[in-house]
C-alpha atoms as a PDB file:
ATOM      1  CA  MET A   1     -12.995 -19.075  -4.856  1.00  0.00           C
ATOM      2  CA  PRO A   2     -11.125 -18.790  -8.055  1.00  0.00           C
ATOM      3  CA  PHE A   3      -9.891 -15.546  -9.174  1.00  0.00           C
ATOM      4  CA  THR A   4     -11.608 -14.150 -11.934  1.00  0.00           C
ATOM      5  CA  GLY A   5     -11.095 -10.681 -11.674  1.00  0.00           C
ATOM      6  CA  VAL A   6     -12.350  -7.724  -9.442  1.00  0.00           C
ATOM      7  CA  PRO A   7     -15.651  -6.655 -10.643  1.00  0.00           C
ATOM      8  CA  HIS A   8     -16.857  -3.067 -12.024  1.00  0.00           C
ATOM      9  CA  ALA A   9     -19.282  -3.422  -8.612  1.00  0.00           C
ATOM     10  CA  ALA A  10     -16.120  -3.246  -6.117  1.00  0.00           C
ATOM     11  CA  PRO A  11     -15.693   0.611  -7.094  1.00  0.00           C
ATOM     12  CA  ALA A  12     -19.373   0.913  -7.308  1.00  0.00           C
ATOM     13  CA  PHE A  13     -20.126  -0.132  -4.190  1.00  0.00           C
ATOM     14  CA  TYR A  14     -17.884   2.120  -2.649  1.00  0.00           C
ATOM     15  CA  ALA A  15     -18.527   5.093  -4.204  1.00  0.00           C
ATOM     16  CA  GLU A  16     -22.365   4.420  -2.413  1.00  0.00           C
ATOM     17  CA  LEU A  17     -20.605   3.794   0.973  1.00  0.00           C
ATOM     18  CA  GLU A  18     -19.006   7.181   0.361  1.00  0.00           C
ATOM     19  CA  GLU A  19     -22.201   8.746  -0.154  1.00  0.00           C
ATOM     20  CA  ASP A  20     -23.623   7.065   2.818  1.00  0.00           C
ATOM     21  CA  ASN A  21     -21.058   5.791   5.397  1.00  0.00           C
ATOM     22  CA  SER A  22     -23.655   4.386   7.893  1.00  0.00           C
ATOM     23  CA  ARG A  23     -24.120   1.178   9.527  1.00  0.00           C
ATOM     24  CA  GLU A  24     -27.551   0.996   8.472  1.00  0.00           C
ATOM     25  CA  PHE A  25     -26.212   1.061   4.867  1.00  0.00           C
ATOM     26  CA  TRP A  26     -23.290  -1.837   5.720  1.00  0.00           C
ATOM     27  CA  ALA A  27     -26.497  -3.781   7.549  1.00  0.00           C
ATOM     28  CA  ARG A  28     -28.018  -3.310   4.063  1.00  0.00           C
ATOM     29  CA  ASN A  29     -25.476  -4.123   1.714  1.00  0.00           C
ATOM     30  CA  ARG A  30     -23.289  -6.660   3.542  1.00  0.00           C
ATOM     31  CA  GLU A  31     -23.902  -9.615   1.114  1.00  0.00           C
ATOM     32  CA  ARG A  32     -22.650  -7.306  -1.737  1.00  0.00           C
ATOM     33  CA  TYR A  33     -19.044  -6.069   0.205  1.00  0.00           C
ATOM     34  CA  GLU A  34     -18.556 -10.475   0.591  1.00  0.00           C
ATOM     35  CA  ARG A  35     -19.293 -11.324  -2.844  1.00  0.00           C
ATOM     36  CA  ASP A  36     -18.005  -8.075  -4.942  1.00  0.00           C
ATOM     37  CA  VAL A  37     -15.195  -7.086  -2.444  1.00  0.00           C
ATOM     38  CA  ARG A  38     -14.062  -8.796  -0.158  1.00  0.00           C
ATOM     39  CA  GLY A  39     -13.981 -12.509  -1.846  1.00  0.00           C
ATOM     40  CA  PRO A  40     -12.097 -10.962  -5.208  1.00  0.00           C
ATOM     41  CA  MET A  41      -9.969  -9.602  -3.002  1.00  0.00           C
ATOM     42  CA  ALA A  42      -8.683 -12.339  -1.140  1.00  0.00           C
ATOM     43  CA  ALA A  43      -8.910 -14.995  -3.978  1.00  0.00           C
ATOM     44  CA  LEU A  44      -6.690 -12.053  -5.891  1.00  0.00           C
ATOM     45  CA  LEU A  45      -3.823 -12.375  -2.389  1.00  0.00           C
ATOM     46  CA  GLU A  46      -4.266 -16.535  -2.298  1.00  0.00           C
ATOM     47  CA  GLU A  47      -2.821 -16.147  -5.739  1.00  0.00           C
ATOM     48  CA  LEU A  48      -0.318 -14.652  -5.228  1.00  0.00           C
ATOM     49  CA  THR A  49       1.061 -16.038  -1.738  1.00  0.00           C
ATOM     50  CA  GLY A  50       3.607 -18.744  -3.611  1.00  0.00           C
ATOM     51  CA  GLU A  51       5.578 -15.723  -4.737  1.00  0.00           C
ATOM     52  CA  PHE A  52       5.716 -13.477  -2.047  1.00  0.00           C
ATOM     53  CA  GLY A  53       4.363 -14.680   1.331  1.00  0.00           C
ATOM     54  CA  GLU A  54       1.471 -15.040   3.715  1.00  0.00           C
ATOM     55  CA  GLY A  55      -0.641 -11.582   3.117  1.00  0.00           C
ATOM     56  CA  ARG A  56      -3.451 -10.593   4.976  1.00  0.00           C
ATOM     57  CA  ILE A  57      -7.008  -8.668   3.788  1.00  0.00           C
ATOM     58  CA  PHE A  58      -7.697  -5.424   6.295  1.00  0.00           C
ATOM     59  CA  ARG A  59     -11.088  -5.566   8.131  1.00  0.00           C
ATOM     60  CA  PRO A  60     -13.435  -2.789   7.013  1.00  0.00           C
ATOM     61  CA  HIS A  61     -14.064  -0.607   9.819  1.00  0.00           C
ATOM     62  CA  ARG A  62     -12.196   1.898  11.326  1.00  0.00           C
ATOM     63  CA  ASP A  63     -10.423   2.713  14.198  1.00  0.00           C
ATOM     64  CA  VAL A  64     -12.363   5.987  15.529  1.00  0.00           C
ATOM     65  CA  ARG A  65     -10.587   5.845  18.819  1.00  0.00           C
ATOM     66  CA  PHE A  66      -8.700   8.945  17.925  1.00  0.00           C
ATOM     67  CA  SER A  67      -9.904  10.275  14.574  1.00  0.00           C
ATOM     68  CA  ALA A  68     -12.299  13.138  14.773  1.00  0.00           C
ATOM     69  CA  ASP A  69     -13.922  11.516  11.973  1.00  0.00           C
ATOM     70  CA  LYS A  70     -15.936   8.804  12.873  1.00  0.00           C
ATOM     71  CA  SER A  71     -17.063   7.163  10.468  1.00  0.00           C
ATOM     72  CA  PRO A  72     -17.161   3.847  10.675  1.00  0.00           C
ATOM     73  CA  PHE A  73     -15.892   2.013   7.782  1.00  0.00           C
ATOM     74  CA  LYS A  74     -13.275   2.285   5.503  1.00  0.00           C
ATOM     75  CA  THR A  75     -13.454   3.305   1.707  1.00  0.00           C
ATOM     76  CA  HIS A  76     -11.000   1.075   0.280  1.00  0.00           C
ATOM     77  CA  GLN A  77     -10.177  -2.757   0.602  1.00  0.00           C
ATOM     78  CA  GLY A  78      -6.737  -2.852   0.798  1.00  0.00           C
ATOM     79  CA  ILE A  79      -4.283  -6.282   1.338  1.00  0.00           C
ATOM     80  CA  PHE A  80      -1.091  -6.412   2.030  1.00  0.00           C
ATOM     81  CA  VAL A  81       1.818  -8.745   2.477  1.00  0.00           C
ATOM     82  CA  PRO A  82       4.423  -8.432   4.905  1.00  0.00           C
ATOM     83  CA  VAL A  83       7.986  -9.043   4.829  1.00  0.00           C
ATOM     84  CA  GLY A  84       9.696  -6.296   7.929  1.00  0.00           C
ATOM     85  CA  ARG A  85       8.661  -3.858  10.091  1.00  0.00           C
ATOM     86  CA  ARG A  86       5.469  -2.387   8.379  1.00  0.00           C
ATOM     87  CA  THR A  87       7.007  -3.250   5.119  1.00  0.00           C
ATOM     88  CA  GLY A  88       5.627  -4.866   2.068  1.00  0.00           C
ATOM     89  CA  TRP A  89       3.714  -4.762  -1.112  1.00  0.00           C
ATOM     90  CA  TYR A  90      -0.101  -3.461  -0.890  1.00  0.00           C
ATOM     91  CA  ALA A  91      -2.981  -3.308  -2.917  1.00  0.00           C
ATOM     92  CA  GLU A  92      -6.583  -1.518  -3.072  1.00  0.00           C
ATOM     93  CA  VAL A  93      -9.865  -1.452  -4.586  1.00  0.00           C
ATOM     94  CA  SER A  94     -11.553   1.936  -3.622  1.00  0.00           C
ATOM     95  CA  ALA A  95     -14.328   4.371  -5.737  1.00  0.00           C
ATOM     96  CA  ASP A  96     -11.496   5.452  -7.637  1.00  0.00           C
ATOM     97  CA  GLY A  97     -10.403   1.836  -9.193  1.00  0.00           C
ATOM     98  CA  PHE A  98      -7.495  -0.477  -8.341  1.00  0.00           C
ATOM     99  CA  ARG A  99      -3.746   0.483  -7.449  1.00  0.00           C
ATOM    100  CA  LEU A 100      -0.929  -0.997  -6.168  1.00  0.00           C
ATOM    101  CA  GLY A 101       2.436  -0.416  -4.741  1.00  0.00           C
ATOM    102  CA  GLY A 102       5.201  -1.450  -2.172  1.00  0.00           C
ATOM    103  CA  GLY A 103       7.017  -0.156   0.738  1.00  0.00           C
ATOM    104  CA  CYS A 104       6.573   1.354   4.511  1.00  0.00           C
ATOM    105  CA  TYR A 105       4.170   2.833   6.729  1.00  0.00           C
ATOM    106  CA  HIS A 106       3.835   4.757   9.649  1.00  0.00           C
ATOM    107  CA  LEU A 107       7.559   4.003  10.987  1.00  0.00           C
ATOM    108  CA  GLU A 108       7.818   3.531  14.830  1.00  0.00           C
ATOM    109  CA  PRO A 109      10.694   5.615  16.080  1.00  0.00           C
ATOM    110  CA  GLU A 110      13.221   2.815  16.460  1.00  0.00           C
ATOM    111  CA  ASP A 111      12.648   1.840  13.200  1.00  0.00           C
ATOM    112  CA  LEU A 112      12.779   5.710  11.757  1.00  0.00           C
ATOM    113  CA  ARG A 113      15.607   5.748  13.343  1.00  0.00           C
ATOM    114  CA  ALA A 114      17.193   2.791  11.521  1.00  0.00           C
ATOM    115  CA  PHE A 115      15.669   4.606   8.334  1.00  0.00           C
ATOM    116  CA  ARG A 116      17.420   7.767   8.270  1.00  0.00           C
ATOM    117  CA  HIS A 117      20.897   5.871   9.052  1.00  0.00           C
ATOM    118  CA  GLY A 118      20.487   3.843   6.246  1.00  0.00           C
ATOM    119  CA  VAL A 119      19.548   6.932   4.174  1.00  0.00           C
ATOM    120  CA  ASP A 120      23.061   9.065   5.683  1.00  0.00           C
ATOM    121  CA  GLY A 121      24.876   6.112   4.983  1.00  0.00           C
ATOM    122  CA  PRO A 122      26.639   4.070   2.446  1.00  0.00           C
ATOM    123  CA  ARG A 123      23.330   2.408   1.166  1.00  0.00           C
ATOM    124  CA  GLY A 124      21.336   5.516   1.135  1.00  0.00           C
ATOM    125  CA  ALA A 125      23.029   6.242  -2.736  1.00  0.00           C
ATOM    126  CA  ARG A 126      21.306   2.976  -3.677  1.00  0.00           C
ATOM    127  CA  LEU A 127      17.791   3.841  -2.357  1.00  0.00           C
ATOM    128  CA  GLU A 128      18.033   7.190  -4.097  1.00  0.00           C
ATOM    129  CA  THR A 129      18.644   5.015  -7.287  1.00  0.00           C
ATOM    130  CA  VAL A 130      16.163   3.437  -6.796  1.00  0.00           C
ATOM    131  CA  VAL A 131      12.803   5.795  -6.181  1.00  0.00           C
ATOM    132  CA  GLY A 132      14.891   7.746  -9.140  1.00  0.00           C
ATOM    133  CA  GLN A 133      14.350   4.905 -11.598  1.00  0.00           C
ATOM    134  CA  LEU A 134      10.617   3.631  -9.916  1.00  0.00           C
ATOM    135  CA  GLY A 135       9.465   8.046 -10.610  1.00  0.00           C
ATOM    136  CA  GLN A 136      11.330   7.714 -14.250  1.00  0.00           C
ATOM    137  CA  ALA A 137       8.880   4.705 -15.096  1.00  0.00           C
ATOM    138  CA  GLY A 138       5.724   7.069 -13.607  1.00  0.00           C
ATOM    139  CA  TRP A 139       5.302   5.234 -10.098  1.00  0.00           C
ATOM    140  CA  GLU A 140       4.102   7.973  -7.769  1.00  0.00           C
ATOM    141  CA  VAL A 141       6.621   8.149  -5.224  1.00  0.00           C
ATOM    142  CA  VAL A 142       4.378   8.719  -2.246  1.00  0.00           C
ATOM    143  CA  GLY A 143       4.990   8.601   2.037  1.00  0.00           C
ATOM    144  CA  GLU A 144       4.793  11.304   4.876  1.00  0.00           C
ATOM    145  CA  SER A 145       7.431  13.579   4.884  1.00  0.00           C
ATOM    146  CA  LEU A 146       8.558  16.359   7.947  1.00  0.00           C
ATOM    147  CA  ARG A 147       8.477  19.932   6.439  1.00  0.00           C
ATOM    148  CA  THR A 148      12.027  20.243   7.907  1.00  0.00           C
ATOM    149  CA  ALA A 149      15.206  18.505   8.441  1.00  0.00           C
ATOM    150  CA  PRO A 150      14.820  16.099  11.045  1.00  0.00           C
ATOM    151  CA  ARG A 151      16.903  16.393  14.218  1.00  0.00           C
ATOM    152  CA  GLY A 152      20.644  15.550  13.549  1.00  0.00           C
ATOM    153  CA  PHE A 153      20.357  16.895  10.041  1.00  0.00           C
ATOM    154  CA  SER A 154      21.414  19.695   7.692  1.00  0.00           C
ATOM    155  CA  ARG A 155      18.579  21.191   5.210  1.00  0.00           C
ATOM    156  CA  ASP A 156      21.511  21.079   3.062  1.00  0.00           C
ATOM    157  CA  HIS A 157      21.653  17.237   3.297  1.00  0.00           C
ATOM    158  CA  PRO A 158      22.164  15.717  -0.071  1.00  0.00           C
ATOM    159  CA  ARG A 159      19.500  13.141   0.229  1.00  0.00           C
ATOM    160  CA  ILE A 160      16.968  15.495   2.411  1.00  0.00           C
ATOM    161  CA  GLY A 161      14.163  14.534   0.887  1.00  0.00           C
ATOM    162  CA  LEU A 162      14.598  10.853   1.829  1.00  0.00           C
ATOM    163  CA  LEU A 163      15.588  11.923   5.249  1.00  0.00           C
ATOM    164  CA  ARG A 164      12.488  13.839   5.776  1.00  0.00           C
ATOM    165  CA  ARG A 165      10.555  11.001   5.008  1.00  0.00           C
ATOM    166  CA  ARG A 166       8.508   8.928   7.761  1.00  0.00           C
ATOM    167  CA  SER A 167       6.867   6.732   5.375  1.00  0.00           C
ATOM    168  CA  LEU A 168       7.897   5.615   2.043  1.00  0.00           C
ATOM    169  CA  ALA A 169       5.945   3.992  -0.871  1.00  0.00           C
ATOM    170  CA  ALA A 170       5.898   3.593  -4.694  1.00  0.00           C
ATOM    171  CA  MET A 171       2.525   3.421  -5.914  1.00  0.00           C
ATOM    172  CA  ARG A 172       0.700   3.181  -9.337  1.00  0.00           C
ATOM    173  CA  TRP A 173      -3.342   2.557 -10.528  1.00  0.00           C
ATOM    174  CA  ILE A 174      -4.411   0.141 -13.199  1.00  0.00           C
ATOM    175  CA  GLU A 175      -6.574   1.736 -15.364  1.00  0.00           C
ATOM    176  CA  ASP A 176      -7.452  -0.782 -17.668  1.00  0.00           C
ATOM    177  CA  GLY A 177     -10.751  -2.104 -16.746  1.00  0.00           C
ATOM    178  CA  ASP A 178     -10.202  -5.433 -19.331  1.00  0.00           C
ATOM    179  CA  VAL A 179      -7.450  -6.097 -16.679  1.00  0.00           C
ATOM    180  CA  VAL A 180      -8.568  -5.305 -13.226  1.00  0.00           C
ATOM    181  CA  THR A 181     -12.118  -7.512 -14.379  1.00  0.00           C
ATOM    182  CA  THR A 182     -10.634 -10.681 -15.237  1.00  0.00           C
ATOM    183  CA  PRO A 183      -7.757 -13.609 -14.283  1.00  0.00           C
ATOM    184  CA  ARG A 184      -5.137 -11.345 -15.791  1.00  0.00           C
ATOM    185  CA  LEU A 185      -4.759  -8.810 -12.756  1.00  0.00           C
ATOM    186  CA  VAL A 186      -2.946 -11.526 -11.103  1.00  0.00           C
ATOM    187  CA  GLU A 187       0.022 -11.370 -13.757  1.00  0.00           C
ATOM    188  CA  GLU A 188      -0.360  -7.530 -13.415  1.00  0.00           C
ATOM    189  CA  VAL A 189      -0.143  -7.404  -9.797  1.00  0.00           C
ATOM    190  CA  ARG A 190       3.020  -9.678  -9.791  1.00  0.00           C
ATOM    191  CA  ALA A 191       4.630  -8.020 -12.430  1.00  0.00           C
ATOM    192  CA  ASP A 192       4.480  -4.745 -10.608  1.00  0.00           C
ATOM    193  CA  TRP A 193       5.228  -5.961  -7.409  1.00  0.00           C
ATOM    194  CA  ARG A 194       8.345  -7.277  -9.001  1.00  0.00           C
ATOM    195  CA  ARG A 195       8.957  -4.034 -10.551  1.00  0.00           C
ATOM    196  CA  VAL A 196       8.406  -2.393  -6.796  1.00  0.00           C
ATOM    197  CA  ARG A 197      10.613  -5.302  -4.813  1.00  0.00           C
ATOM    198  CA  PRO A 198      14.354  -3.107  -4.923  1.00  0.00           C
ATOM    199  CA  LEU A 199      12.507  -0.942  -2.670  1.00  0.00           C
ATOM    200  CA  VAL A 200      10.582  -3.156  -0.890  1.00  0.00           C
ATOM    201  CA  GLU A 201      14.074  -5.210  -0.479  1.00  0.00           C
ATOM    202  CA  TRP A 202      16.228  -2.248   0.801  1.00  0.00           C
ATOM    203  CA  LEU A 203      13.508  -1.229   3.290  1.00  0.00           C
ATOM    204  CA  ARG A 204      13.281  -4.842   4.718  1.00  0.00           C
ATOM    205  CA  GLU A 205      17.122  -5.112   4.833  1.00  0.00           C
ATOM    206  CA  VAL A 206      17.324  -1.581   6.876  1.00  0.00           C
ATOM    207  CA  VAL A 207      14.595  -1.358   8.871  1.00  0.00           C
ATOM    208  CA  GLY A 208      14.823  -5.437   9.784  1.00  0.00           C
ATOM    209  CA  GLY A 209      12.602  -8.034   9.813  1.00  0.00           C
ATOM    210  CA  PRO A 210       9.044  -8.488  11.534  1.00  0.00           C
ATOM    211  CA  ARG A 211       8.631  -7.995  15.364  1.00  0.00           C
END
């Protein structure tokens, strides 16, 4: 289907799902999900494939096997274009709206060691610059962090903030409904994914390609 925008009905769907995250609600509203959420997000992903590569749309069901929260469904719909080990570009719609960005998530021990080695070495200065520039440009730099220095590194390390990271991404919200709900969203996402490319590429080069 051609991409025409992510409709207001998508965040409305998730607002209702947050109130009633049940299989009964899902059964009653499955057609809404397919029409208003999954369909538009899949079409958006398809529009971006030519420049950024093949991506995937995440399934709506949560993995509750090891979670105290047994809610069966995610309260957002994400799309992801991988370029390396748990590294790539991301976008999602939820009750809060539409946001996008890029980076890495949930690094495995081997990849985390490579990340920290890169931060500690000569290439770390480049990452520090990239992250600083994104922050100054209004991007939110997010990711799980240790409370203290990782083993083998001093708390006084000049890049200790980055060394504590277990994941690292830059994200921002697109708050203009006249963009999100129209075909203009494709070019907005394209431009923003290009802006975060230096971070994504640094992570791909240091952490490595897909396994």
